[in-house]
PDB file of all heavy atoms in Angstrom:
ATOM      1  N   ARG A   1       0.826  -1.199   0.000  1.00  0.00           N
ATOM      2  CA  ARG A   1       0.000   0.000   0.000  1.00  0.00           C
ATOM      3  C   ARG A   1       0.865   1.256   0.000  1.00  0.00           C
ATOM      4  O   ARG A   1       2.005   1.248   0.456  1.00  0.00           O
ATOM      5  CB  ARG A   1      -0.927   0.011   1.212  1.00  0.00           C
ATOM      6  CG  ARG A   1      -2.072  -0.987   1.094  1.00  0.00           C
ATOM      7  CD  ARG A   1      -3.134  -0.475   0.152  1.00  0.00           C
ATOM      8  NE  ARG A   1      -4.213  -1.445  -0.026  1.00  0.00           N
ATOM      9  CZ  ARG A   1      -5.363  -1.169  -0.607  1.00  0.00           C
ATOM     10  NH1 ARG A   1      -5.579   0.041  -1.088  1.00  0.00           N
ATOM     11  NH2 ARG A   1      -6.280  -2.100  -0.743  1.00  0.00           N
ATOM     12  N   ARG A   2       0.289   2.324  -0.468  1.00  0.00           N
ATOM     13  CA  ARG A   2       1.027   3.565  -0.659  1.00  0.00           C
ATOM     14  C   ARG A   2       1.033   4.420   0.616  1.00  0.00           C
ATOM     15  O   ARG A   2      -0.014   4.672   1.201  1.00  0.00           O
ATOM     16  CB  ARG A   2       0.399   4.360  -1.806  1.00  0.00           C
ATOM     17  CG  ARG A   2       1.248   5.518  -2.280  1.00  0.00           C
ATOM     18  CD  ARG A   2       0.521   6.272  -3.368  1.00  0.00           C
ATOM     19  NE  ARG A   2       0.325   5.495  -4.571  1.00  0.00           N
ATOM     20  CZ  ARG A   2       1.198   5.427  -5.552  1.00  0.00           C
ATOM     21  NH1 ARG A   2       2.352   6.064  -5.468  1.00  0.00           N
ATOM     22  NH2 ARG A   2       0.937   4.716  -6.627  1.00  0.00           N
ATOM     23  N   CYS A   3       2.217   4.853   1.016  1.00  0.00           N
ATOM     24  CA  CYS A   3       2.339   5.810   2.112  1.00  0.00           C
ATOM     25  C   CYS A   3       2.160   7.211   1.534  1.00  0.00           C
ATOM     26  O   CYS A   3       2.886   7.615   0.622  1.00  0.00           O
ATOM     27  CB  CYS A   3       3.704   5.682   2.789  1.00  0.00           C
ATOM     28  SG  CYS A   3       3.957   6.896   4.104  1.00  0.00           S
ATOM     29  N   VAL A   4       1.206   7.923   2.047  1.00  0.00           N
ATOM     30  CA  VAL A   4       0.891   9.243   1.523  1.00  0.00           C
ATOM     31  C   VAL A   4       1.799  10.310   2.117  1.00  0.00           C
ATOM     32  O   VAL A   4       2.327  11.160   1.410  1.00  0.00           O
ATOM     33  CB  VAL A   4      -0.588   9.587   1.799  1.00  0.00           C
ATOM     34  CG1 VAL A   4      -0.942  10.968   1.266  1.00  0.00           C
ATOM     35  CG2 VAL A   4      -1.502   8.533   1.187  1.00  0.00           C
ATOM     36  N   ARG A   5       1.989  10.260   3.414  1.00  0.00           N
ATOM     37  CA  ARG A   5       2.807  11.282   4.085  1.00  0.00           C
ATOM     38  C   ARG A   5       3.517  10.701   5.296  1.00  0.00           C
ATOM     39  O   ARG A   5       3.033   9.760   5.922  1.00  0.00           O
ATOM     40  CB  ARG A   5       1.947  12.460   4.547  1.00  0.00           C
ATOM     41  CG  ARG A   5       1.407  13.316   3.424  1.00  0.00           C
ATOM     42  CD  ARG A   5       0.724  14.564   3.977  1.00  0.00           C
ATOM     43  NE  ARG A   5       0.294  15.412   2.881  1.00  0.00           N
ATOM     44  CZ  ARG A   5      -0.891  15.319   2.286  1.00  0.00           C
ATOM     45  NH1 ARG A   5      -1.759  14.413   2.683  1.00  0.00           N
ATOM     46  NH2 ARG A   5      -1.213  16.127   1.289  1.00  0.00           N
ATOM     47  N   VAL A   6       4.636  11.320   5.624  1.00  0.00           N
ATOM     48  CA  VAL A   6       5.343  11.053   6.866  1.00  0.00           C
ATOM     49  C   VAL A   6       5.232  12.306   7.721  1.00  0.00           C
ATOM     50  O   VAL A   6       5.592  13.396   7.274  1.00  0.00           O
ATOM     51  CB  VAL A   6       6.827  10.713   6.623  1.00  0.00           C
ATOM     52  CG1 VAL A   6       7.527  10.453   7.952  1.00  0.00           C
ATOM     53  CG2 VAL A   6       6.950   9.498   5.711  1.00  0.00           C
ATOM     54  N   LEU A   7       4.740  12.169   8.931  1.00  0.00           N
ATOM     55  CA  LEU A   7       4.569  13.305   9.840  1.00  0.00           C
ATOM     56  C   LEU A   7       5.704  13.296  10.855  1.00  0.00           C
ATOM     57  O   LEU A   7       5.845  12.352  11.631  1.00  0.00           O
ATOM     58  CB  LEU A   7       3.215  13.224  10.551  1.00  0.00           C
ATOM     59  CG  LEU A   7       1.982  12.998   9.661  1.00  0.00           C
ATOM     60  CD1 LEU A   7       0.711  13.017  10.500  1.00  0.00           C
ATOM     61  CD2 LEU A   7       1.908  14.016   8.546  1.00  0.00           C
ATOM     62  N   ARG A   8       6.503  14.361  10.846  1.00  0.00           N
ATOM     63  CA  ARG A   8       7.647  14.472  11.745  1.00  0.00           C
ATOM     64  C   ARG A   8       7.454  15.666  12.667  1.00  0.00           C
ATOM     65  O   ARG A   8       7.004  16.717  12.235  1.00  0.00           O
ATOM     66  CB  ARG A   8       8.945  14.658  10.944  1.00  0.00           C
ATOM     67  CG  ARG A   8       9.235  13.549   9.946  1.00  0.00           C
ATOM     68  CD  ARG A   8      10.526  13.831   9.192  1.00  0.00           C
ATOM     69  NE  ARG A   8      10.739  12.880   8.118  1.00  0.00           N
ATOM     70  CZ  ARG A   8      11.276  11.676   8.268  1.00  0.00           C
ATOM     71  NH1 ARG A   8      11.668  11.282   9.473  1.00  0.00           N
ATOM     72  NH2 ARG A   8      11.431  10.869   7.231  1.00  0.00           N
ATOM     73  N   GLY A   9       7.831  15.500  13.915  1.00  0.00           N
ATOM     74  CA  GLY A   9       7.703  16.586  14.871  1.00  0.00           C
ATOM     75  C   GLY A   9       7.969  16.153  16.299  1.00  0.00           C
ATOM     76  O   GLY A   9       8.471  16.931  17.105  1.00  0.00           O
ATOM     77  N   HIS A  10       7.657  14.891  16.613  1.00  0.00           N
ATOM     78  CA  HIS A  10       7.945  14.359  17.947  1.00  0.00           C
ATOM     79  C   HIS A  10       9.433  14.047  18.078  1.00  0.00           C
ATOM     80  O   HIS A  10      10.110  13.730  17.095  1.00  0.00           O
ATOM     81  CB  HIS A  10       7.126  13.102  18.209  1.00  0.00           C
ATOM     82  CG  HIS A  10       5.672  13.356  18.488  1.00  0.00           C
ATOM     83  ND1 HIS A  10       5.241  14.012  19.621  1.00  0.00           N
ATOM     84  CD2 HIS A  10       4.557  13.049  17.772  1.00  0.00           C
ATOM     85  CE1 HIS A  10       3.919  14.081  19.597  1.00  0.00           C
ATOM     86  NE2 HIS A  10       3.478  13.513  18.490  1.00  0.00           N
ATOM     87  N   THR A  11       9.930  14.139  19.295  1.00  0.00           N
ATOM     88  CA  THR A  11      11.342  13.887  19.563  1.00  0.00           C
ATOM     89  C   THR A  11      11.576  12.566  20.289  1.00  0.00           C
ATOM     90  O   THR A  11      12.701  12.259  20.682  1.00  0.00           O
ATOM     91  CB  THR A  11      11.944  15.036  20.388  1.00  0.00           C
ATOM     92  OG1 THR A  11      11.211  15.182  21.612  1.00  0.00           O
ATOM     93  CG2 THR A  11      11.887  16.340  19.603  1.00  0.00           C
ATOM     94  N   ASP A  12      10.521  11.802  20.502  1.00  0.00           N
ATOM     95  CA  ASP A  12      10.632  10.476  21.100  1.00  0.00           C
ATOM     96  C   ASP A  12       9.568   9.598  20.444  1.00  0.00           C
ATOM     97  O   ASP A  12       8.769  10.076  19.637  1.00  0.00           O
ATOM     98  CB  ASP A  12      10.449  10.541  22.619  1.00  0.00           C
ATOM     99  CG  ASP A  12      11.150   9.394  23.344  1.00  0.00           C
ATOM    100  OD1 ASP A  12      11.330   8.331  22.713  1.00  0.00           O
ATOM    101  OD2 ASP A  12      11.506   9.551  24.524  1.00  0.00           O
ATOM    102  N   MET A  13       9.550   8.324  20.775  1.00  0.00           N
ATOM    103  CA  MET A  13       8.628   7.410  20.114  1.00  0.00           C
ATOM    104  C   MET A  13       7.180   7.867  20.257  1.00  0.00           C
ATOM    105  O   MET A  13       6.778   8.426  21.280  1.00  0.00           O
ATOM    106  CB  MET A  13       8.810   5.988  20.647  1.00  0.00           C
ATOM    107  CG  MET A  13       8.406   5.780  22.077  1.00  0.00           C
ATOM    108  SD  MET A  13       8.536   4.026  22.559  1.00  0.00           S
ATOM    109  CE  MET A  13      10.310   3.801  22.624  1.00  0.00           C
ATOM    110  N   VAL A  14       6.401   7.669  19.208  1.00  0.00           N
ATOM    111  CA  VAL A  14       4.990   8.051  19.187  1.00  0.00           C
ATOM    112  C   VAL A  14       4.180   6.819  19.562  1.00  0.00           C
ATOM    113  O   VAL A  14       4.228   5.798  18.865  1.00  0.00           O
ATOM    114  CB  VAL A  14       4.560   8.572  17.808  1.00  0.00           C
ATOM    115  CG1 VAL A  14       3.151   9.135  17.869  1.00  0.00           C
ATOM    116  CG2 VAL A  14       5.539   9.631  17.311  1.00  0.00           C
ATOM    117  N   TYR A  15       3.446   6.918  20.663  1.00  0.00           N
ATOM    118  CA  TYR A  15       2.820   5.731  21.219  1.00  0.00           C
ATOM    119  C   TYR A  15       1.375   5.541  20.775  1.00  0.00           C
ATOM    120  O   TYR A  15       0.868   4.428  20.764  1.00  0.00           O
ATOM    121  CB  TYR A  15       2.899   5.774  22.747  1.00  0.00           C
ATOM    122  CG  TYR A  15       2.512   4.462  23.386  1.00  0.00           C
ATOM    123  CD1 TYR A  15       3.232   3.303  23.113  1.00  0.00           C
ATOM    124  CD2 TYR A  15       1.417   4.369  24.240  1.00  0.00           C
ATOM    125  CE1 TYR A  15       2.880   2.094  23.673  1.00  0.00           C
ATOM    126  CE2 TYR A  15       1.057   3.159  24.804  1.00  0.00           C
ATOM    127  CZ  TYR A  15       1.789   2.020  24.524  1.00  0.00           C
ATOM    128  OH  TYR A  15       1.427   0.818  25.072  1.00  0.00           O
ATOM    129  N   ASP A  16       0.686   6.611  20.406  1.00  0.00           N
ATOM    130  CA  ASP A  16      -0.716   6.466  20.035  1.00  0.00           C
ATOM    131  C   ASP A  16      -1.106   7.575  19.064  1.00  0.00           C
ATOM    132  O   ASP A  16      -0.497   8.656  19.045  1.00  0.00           O
ATOM    133  CB  ASP A  16      -1.607   6.528  21.283  1.00  0.00           C
ATOM    134  CG  ASP A  16      -3.028   6.046  21.019  1.00  0.00           C
ATOM    135  OD1 ASP A  16      -3.242   5.326  20.025  1.00  0.00           O
ATOM    136  OD2 ASP A  16      -3.927   6.383  21.810  1.00  0.00           O
ATOM    137  N   ALA A  17      -2.130   7.310  18.261  1.00  0.00           N
ATOM    138  CA  ALA A  17      -2.655   8.304  17.322  1.00  0.00           C
ATOM    139  C   ALA A  17      -4.110   7.981  17.034  1.00  0.00           C
ATOM    140  O   ALA A  17      -4.513   6.816  17.052  1.00  0.00           O
ATOM    141  CB  ALA A  17      -1.855   8.322  16.024  1.00  0.00           C
ATOM    142  N   CYS A  18      -4.896   9.021  16.770  1.00  0.00           N
ATOM    143  CA  CYS A  18      -6.299   8.798  16.434  1.00  0.00           C
ATOM    144  C   CYS A  18      -6.810   9.923  15.546  1.00  0.00           C
ATOM    145  O   CYS A  18      -6.294  11.045  15.579  1.00  0.00           O
ATOM    146  CB  CYS A  18      -7.166   8.687  17.694  1.00  0.00           C
ATOM    147  SG  CYS A  18      -7.283  10.209  18.661  1.00  0.00           S
ATOM    148  N   TYR A  19      -7.815   9.615  14.736  1.00  0.00           N
ATOM    149  CA  TYR A  19      -8.463  10.602  13.878  1.00  0.00           C
ATOM    150  C   TYR A  19      -9.560  11.329  14.640  1.00  0.00           C
ATOM    151  O   TYR A  19     -10.204  10.759  15.532  1.00  0.00           O
ATOM    152  CB  TYR A  19      -9.107   9.915  12.676  1.00  0.00           C
ATOM    153  CG  TYR A  19      -8.197   9.682  11.498  1.00  0.00           C
ATOM    154  CD1 TYR A  19      -7.479   8.501  11.385  1.00  0.00           C
ATOM    155  CD2 TYR A  19      -8.070  10.624  10.491  1.00  0.00           C
ATOM    156  CE1 TYR A  19      -6.655   8.261  10.293  1.00  0.00           C
ATOM    157  CE2 TYR A  19      -7.251  10.407   9.395  1.00  0.00           C
ATOM    158  CZ  TYR A  19      -6.548   9.227   9.306  1.00  0.00           C
ATOM    159  OH  TYR A  19      -5.727   9.001   8.228  1.00  0.00           O
ATOM    160  N   SER A  20      -9.795  12.576  14.247  1.00  0.00           N
ATOM    161  CA  SER A  20     -10.982  13.279  14.715  1.00  0.00           C
ATOM    162  C   SER A  20     -12.194  12.694  13.995  1.00  0.00           C
ATOM    163  O   SER A  20     -12.062  12.117  12.910  1.00  0.00           O
ATOM    164  CB  SER A  20     -10.862  14.775  14.435  1.00  0.00           C
ATOM    165  OG  SER A  20     -10.756  15.018  13.040  1.00  0.00           O
ATOM    166  N   PRO A  21     -13.394  12.830  14.561  1.00  0.00           N
ATOM    167  CA  PRO A  21     -14.582  12.233  13.927  1.00  0.00           C
ATOM    168  C   PRO A  21     -14.856  12.724  12.514  1.00  0.00           C
ATOM    169  O   PRO A  21     -15.437  11.991  11.709  1.00  0.00           O
ATOM    170  CB  PRO A  21     -15.714  12.629  14.885  1.00  0.00           C
ATOM    171  CG  PRO A  21     -15.042  12.793  16.203  1.00  0.00           C
ATOM    172  CD  PRO A  21     -13.699  13.378  15.893  1.00  0.00           C
ATOM    173  N   ASP A  22     -14.442  13.960  12.190  1.00  0.00           N
ATOM    174  CA  ASP A  22     -14.662  14.453  10.828  1.00  0.00           C
ATOM    175  C   ASP A  22     -13.534  14.065   9.877  1.00  0.00           C
ATOM    176  O   ASP A  22     -13.597  14.365   8.673  1.00  0.00           O
ATOM    177  CB  ASP A  22     -14.855  15.975  10.819  1.00  0.00           C
ATOM    178  CG  ASP A  22     -13.643  16.736  11.348  1.00  0.00           C
ATOM    179  OD1 ASP A  22     -12.589  16.105  11.582  1.00  0.00           O
ATOM    180  OD2 ASP A  22     -13.753  17.961  11.549  1.00  0.00           O
ATOM    181  N   GLY A  23     -12.494  13.415  10.394  1.00  0.00           N
ATOM    182  CA  GLY A  23     -11.406  12.940   9.566  1.00  0.00           C
ATOM    183  C   GLY A  23     -10.425  14.004   9.113  1.00  0.00           C
ATOM    184  O   GLY A  23      -9.513  13.716   8.331  1.00  0.00           O
ATOM    185  N   ARG A  24     -10.566  15.215   9.603  1.00  0.00           N
ATOM    186  CA  ARG A  24      -9.713  16.310   9.137  1.00  0.00           C
ATOM    187  C   ARG A  24      -8.442  16.462   9.963  1.00  0.00           C
ATOM    188  O   ARG A  24      -7.492  17.111   9.529  1.00  0.00           O
ATOM    189  CB  ARG A  24     -10.500  17.622   9.163  1.00  0.00           C
ATOM    190  CG  ARG A  24     -11.703  17.627   8.222  1.00  0.00           C
ATOM    191  CD  ARG A  24     -12.563  18.843   8.435  1.00  0.00           C
ATOM    192  NE  ARG A  24     -11.820  20.076   8.196  1.00  0.00           N
ATOM    193  CZ  ARG A  24     -12.314  21.298   8.429  1.00  0.00           C
ATOM    194  NH1 ARG A  24     -13.533  21.431   8.918  1.00  0.00           N
ATOM    195  NH2 ARG A  24     -11.580  22.357   8.169  1.00  0.00           N
ATOM    196  N   ARG A  25      -8.411  15.873  11.152  1.00  0.00           N
ATOM    197  CA  ARG A  25      -7.248  16.025  12.025  1.00  0.00           C
ATOM    198  C   ARG A  25      -6.841  14.697  12.626  1.00  0.00           C
ATOM    199  O   ARG A  25      -7.641  13.766  12.729  1.00  0.00           O
ATOM    200  CB  ARG A  25      -7.536  17.028  13.142  1.00  0.00           C
ATOM    201  CG  ARG A  25      -7.757  18.448  12.636  1.00  0.00           C
ATOM    202  CD  ARG A  25      -8.157  19.371  13.744  1.00  0.00           C
ATOM    203  NE  ARG A  25      -8.384  20.728  13.244  1.00  0.00           N
ATOM    204  CZ  ARG A  25      -8.831  21.719  13.987  1.00  0.00           C
ATOM    205  NH1 ARG A  25      -9.104  21.532  15.253  1.00  0.00           N
ATOM    206  NH2 ARG A  25      -9.011  22.923  13.450  1.00  0.00           N
ATOM    207  N   VAL A  26      -5.587  14.651  13.028  1.00  0.00           N
ATOM    208  CA  VAL A  26      -5.042  13.497  13.742  1.00  0.00           C
ATOM    209  C   VAL A  26      -4.360  14.008  14.999  1.00  0.00           C
ATOM    210  O   VAL A  26      -3.634  15.009  14.950  1.00  0.00           O
ATOM    211  CB  VAL A  26      -4.030  12.720  12.869  1.00  0.00           C
ATOM    212  CG1 VAL A  26      -3.194  11.773  13.718  1.00  0.00           C
ATOM    213  CG2 VAL A  26      -4.750  11.952  11.770  1.00  0.00           C
ATOM    214  N   ALA A  27      -4.588  13.353  16.111  1.00  0.00           N
ATOM    215  CA  ALA A  27      -3.893  13.666  17.360  1.00  0.00           C
ATOM    216  C   ALA A  27      -2.902  12.551  17.652  1.00  0.00           C
ATOM    217  O   ALA A  27      -3.186  11.375  17.407  1.00  0.00           O
ATOM    218  CB  ALA A  27      -4.877  13.817  18.514  1.00  0.00           C
ATOM    219  N   SER A  28      -1.738  12.915  18.170  1.00  0.00           N
ATOM    220  CA  SER A  28      -0.707  11.917  18.477  1.00  0.00           C
ATOM    221  C   SER A  28      -0.158  12.132  19.874  1.00  0.00           C
ATOM    222  O   SER A  28      -0.012  13.263  20.338  1.00  0.00           O
ATOM    223  CB  SER A  28       0.426  11.970  17.448  1.00  0.00           C
ATOM    224  OG  SER A  28       1.019  13.254  17.402  1.00  0.00           O
ATOM    225  N   ALA A  29       0.154  11.033  20.550  1.00  0.00           N
ATOM    226  CA  ALA A  29       0.725  11.052  21.897  1.00  0.00           C
ATOM    227  C   ALA A  29       2.121  10.478  21.840  1.00  0.00           C
ATOM    228  O   ALA A  29       2.365   9.457  21.193  1.00  0.00           O
ATOM    229  CB  ALA A  29      -0.140  10.237  22.855  1.00  0.00           C
ATOM    230  N   SER A  30       3.053  11.113  22.535  1.00  0.00           N
ATOM    231  CA  SER A  30       4.444  10.690  22.458  1.00  0.00           C
ATOM    232  C   SER A  30       5.089  10.645  23.830  1.00  0.00           C
ATOM    233  O   SER A  30       4.637  11.295  24.780  1.00  0.00           O
ATOM    234  CB  SER A  30       5.234  11.648  21.558  1.00  0.00           C
ATOM    235  OG  SER A  30       6.625  11.406  21.631  1.00  0.00           O
ATOM    236  N   LEU A  31       6.163   9.888  23.896  1.00  0.00           N
ATOM    237  CA  LEU A  31       6.936   9.839  25.125  1.00  0.00           C
ATOM    238  C   LEU A  31       7.758  11.102  25.328  1.00  0.00           C
ATOM    239  O   LEU A  31       8.453  11.225  26.334  1.00  0.00           O
ATOM    240  CB  LEU A  31       7.836   8.601  25.121  1.00  0.00           C
ATOM    241  CG  LEU A  31       7.114   7.261  24.920  1.00  0.00           C
ATOM    242  CD1 LEU A  31       8.039   6.110  25.283  1.00  0.00           C
ATOM    243  CD2 LEU A  31       5.830   7.180  25.715  1.00  0.00           C
ATOM    244  N   ASP A  32       7.678  12.060  24.388  1.00  0.00           N
ATOM    245  CA  ASP A  32       8.342  13.354  24.575  1.00  0.00           C
ATOM    246  C   ASP A  32       7.486  14.319  25.406  1.00  0.00           C
ATOM    247  O   ASP A  32       7.792  15.501  25.495  1.00  0.00           O
ATOM    248  CB  ASP A  32       8.705  13.991  23.228  1.00  0.00           C
ATOM    249  CG  ASP A  32       7.479  14.312  22.375  1.00  0.00           C
ATOM    250  OD1 ASP A  32       6.338  14.219  22.866  1.00  0.00           O
ATOM    251  OD2 ASP A  32       7.663  14.655  21.191  1.00  0.00           O
ATOM    252  N   LYS A  33       6.383  13.792  25.996  1.00  0.00           N
ATOM    253  CA  LYS A  33       5.484  14.530  26.892  1.00  0.00           C
ATOM    254  C   LYS A  33       4.528  15.469  26.163  1.00  0.00           C
ATOM    255  O   LYS A  33       3.833  16.259  26.792  1.00  0.00           O
ATOM    256  CB  LYS A  33       6.273  15.342  27.946  1.00  0.00           C
ATOM    257  CG  LYS A  33       7.307  14.562  28.727  1.00  0.00           C
ATOM    258  CD  LYS A  33       8.082  15.470  29.659  1.00  0.00           C
ATOM    259  CE  LYS A  33       9.236  14.734  30.307  1.00  0.00           C
ATOM    260  NZ  LYS A  33      10.048  15.621  31.178  1.00  0.00           N
ATOM    261  N   LYS A  34       4.476  15.380  24.840  1.00  0.00           N
ATOM    262  CA  LYS A  34       3.645  16.298  24.063  1.00  0.00           C
ATOM    263  C   LYS A  34       2.521  15.558  23.348  1.00  0.00           C
ATOM    264  O   LYS A  34       2.636  14.378  23.010  1.00  0.00           O
ATOM    265  CB  LYS A  34       4.488  17.042  23.027  1.00  0.00           C
ATOM    266  CG  LYS A  34       5.576  17.938  23.599  1.00  0.00           C
ATOM    267  CD  LYS A  34       6.329  18.638  22.491  1.00  0.00           C
ATOM    268  CE  LYS A  34       7.470  19.495  23.020  1.00  0.00           C
ATOM    269  NZ  LYS A  34       8.535  18.699  23.637  1.00  0.00           N
ATOM    270  N   VAL A  35       1.442  16.314  23.123  1.00  0.00           N
ATOM    271  CA  VAL A  35       0.373  15.893  22.240  1.00  0.00           C
ATOM    272  C   VAL A  35       0.374  16.853  21.058  1.00  0.00           C
ATOM    273  O   VAL A  35       0.316  18.070  21.242  1.00  0.00           O
ATOM    274  CB  VAL A  35      -1.001  15.929  22.945  1.00  0.00           C
ATOM    275  CG1 VAL A  35      -2.124  15.635  21.954  1.00  0.00           C
ATOM    276  CG2 VAL A  35      -1.040  14.941  24.108  1.00  0.00           C
ATOM    277  N   LEU A  36       0.477  16.322  19.853  1.00  0.00           N
ATOM    278  CA  LEU A  36       0.454  17.152  18.652  1.00  0.00           C
ATOM    279  C   LEU A  36      -0.827  16.871  17.872  1.00  0.00           C
ATOM    280  O   LEU A  36      -1.288  15.729  17.814  1.00  0.00           O
ATOM    281  CB  LEU A  36       1.665  16.880  17.767  1.00  0.00           C
ATOM    282  CG  LEU A  36       3.052  17.115  18.374  1.00  0.00           C
ATOM    283  CD1 LEU A  36       4.130  16.926  17.304  1.00  0.00           C
ATOM    284  CD2 LEU A  36       3.159  18.487  19.010  1.00  0.00           C
ATOM    285  N   ILE A  37      -1.397  17.919  17.290  1.00  0.00           N
ATOM    286  CA  ILE A  37      -2.571  17.781  16.437  1.00  0.00           C
ATOM    287  C   ILE A  37      -2.176  18.201  15.028  1.00  0.00           C
ATOM    288  O   ILE A  37      -1.599  19.273  14.828  1.00  0.00           O
ATOM    289  CB  ILE A  37      -3.745  18.625  16.965  1.00  0.00           C
ATOM    290  CG1 ILE A  37      -4.132  18.146  18.381  1.00  0.00           C
ATOM    291  CG2 ILE A  37      -4.945  18.510  16.033  1.00  0.00           C
ATOM    292  CD1 ILE A  37      -5.254  18.927  19.015  1.00  0.00           C
ATOM    293  N   TRP A  38      -2.488  17.351  14.064  1.00  0.00           N
ATOM    294  CA  TRP A  38      -2.038  17.514  12.689  1.00  0.00           C
ATOM    295  C   TRP A  38      -3.218  17.733  11.749  1.00  0.00           C
ATOM    296  O   TRP A  38      -4.302  17.171  11.956  1.00  0.00           O
ATOM    297  CB  TRP A  38      -1.291  16.263  12.215  1.00  0.00           C
ATOM    298  CG  TRP A  38      -0.235  15.761  13.141  1.00  0.00           C
ATOM    299  CD1 TRP A  38      -0.406  15.009  14.276  1.00  0.00           C
ATOM    300  CD2 TRP A  38       1.179  15.952  13.026  1.00  0.00           C
ATOM    301  NE1 TRP A  38       0.796  14.728  14.862  1.00  0.00           N
ATOM    302  CE2 TRP A  38       1.794  15.290  14.119  1.00  0.00           C
ATOM    303  CE3 TRP A  38       1.990  16.600  12.100  1.00  0.00           C
ATOM    304  CZ2 TRP A  38       3.162  15.266  14.308  1.00  0.00           C
ATOM    305  CZ3 TRP A  38       3.359  16.582  12.282  1.00  0.00           C
ATOM    306  CH2 TRP A  38       3.942  15.927  13.374  1.00  0.00           C
ATOM    307  N   GLY A  39      -2.991  18.512  10.708  1.00  0.00           N
ATOM    308  CA  GLY A  39      -3.962  18.620   9.632  1.00  0.00           C
ATOM    309  C   GLY A  39      -3.735  17.489   8.646  1.00  0.00           C
ATOM    310  O   GLY A  39      -2.624  17.320   8.146  1.00  0.00           O
ATOM    311  N   VAL A  40      -4.761  16.706   8.378  1.00  0.00           N
ATOM    312  CA  VAL A  40      -4.605  15.545   7.509  1.00  0.00           C
ATOM    313  C   VAL A  40      -4.296  15.962   6.069  1.00  0.00           C
ATOM    314  O   VAL A  40      -3.469  15.351   5.395  1.00  0.00           O
ATOM    315  CB  VAL A  40      -5.869  14.668   7.557  1.00  0.00           C
ATOM    316  CG1 VAL A  40      -5.816  13.568   6.505  1.00  0.00           C
ATOM    317  CG2 VAL A  40      -6.031  14.057   8.943  1.00  0.00           C
ATOM    318  N   SER A  41      -4.939  17.006   5.585  1.00  0.00           N
ATOM    319  CA  SER A  41      -4.762  17.402   4.193  1.00  0.00           C
ATOM    320  C   SER A  41      -3.377  17.974   3.903  1.00  0.00           C
ATOM    321  O   SER A  41      -2.862  17.864   2.799  1.00  0.00           O
ATOM    322  CB  SER A  41      -5.825  18.428   3.796  1.00  0.00           C
ATOM    323  OG  SER A  41      -5.701  19.610   4.585  1.00  0.00           O
TER     324      SER A  41
END
C-alpha cells in the first residue's frame, strides 16, 4: 500500500494516534510529553 505522508515533529517514540470524527485532524501522543494535532490534508 502507498504511504501518503510522513509526519515528523515528535522527539521520542509516538505511542498512540487517532483521527478526529470528521477525519480532518489526527492527534498523536508521544513519550516526549507532548500531544500534537495535525492537519490531515
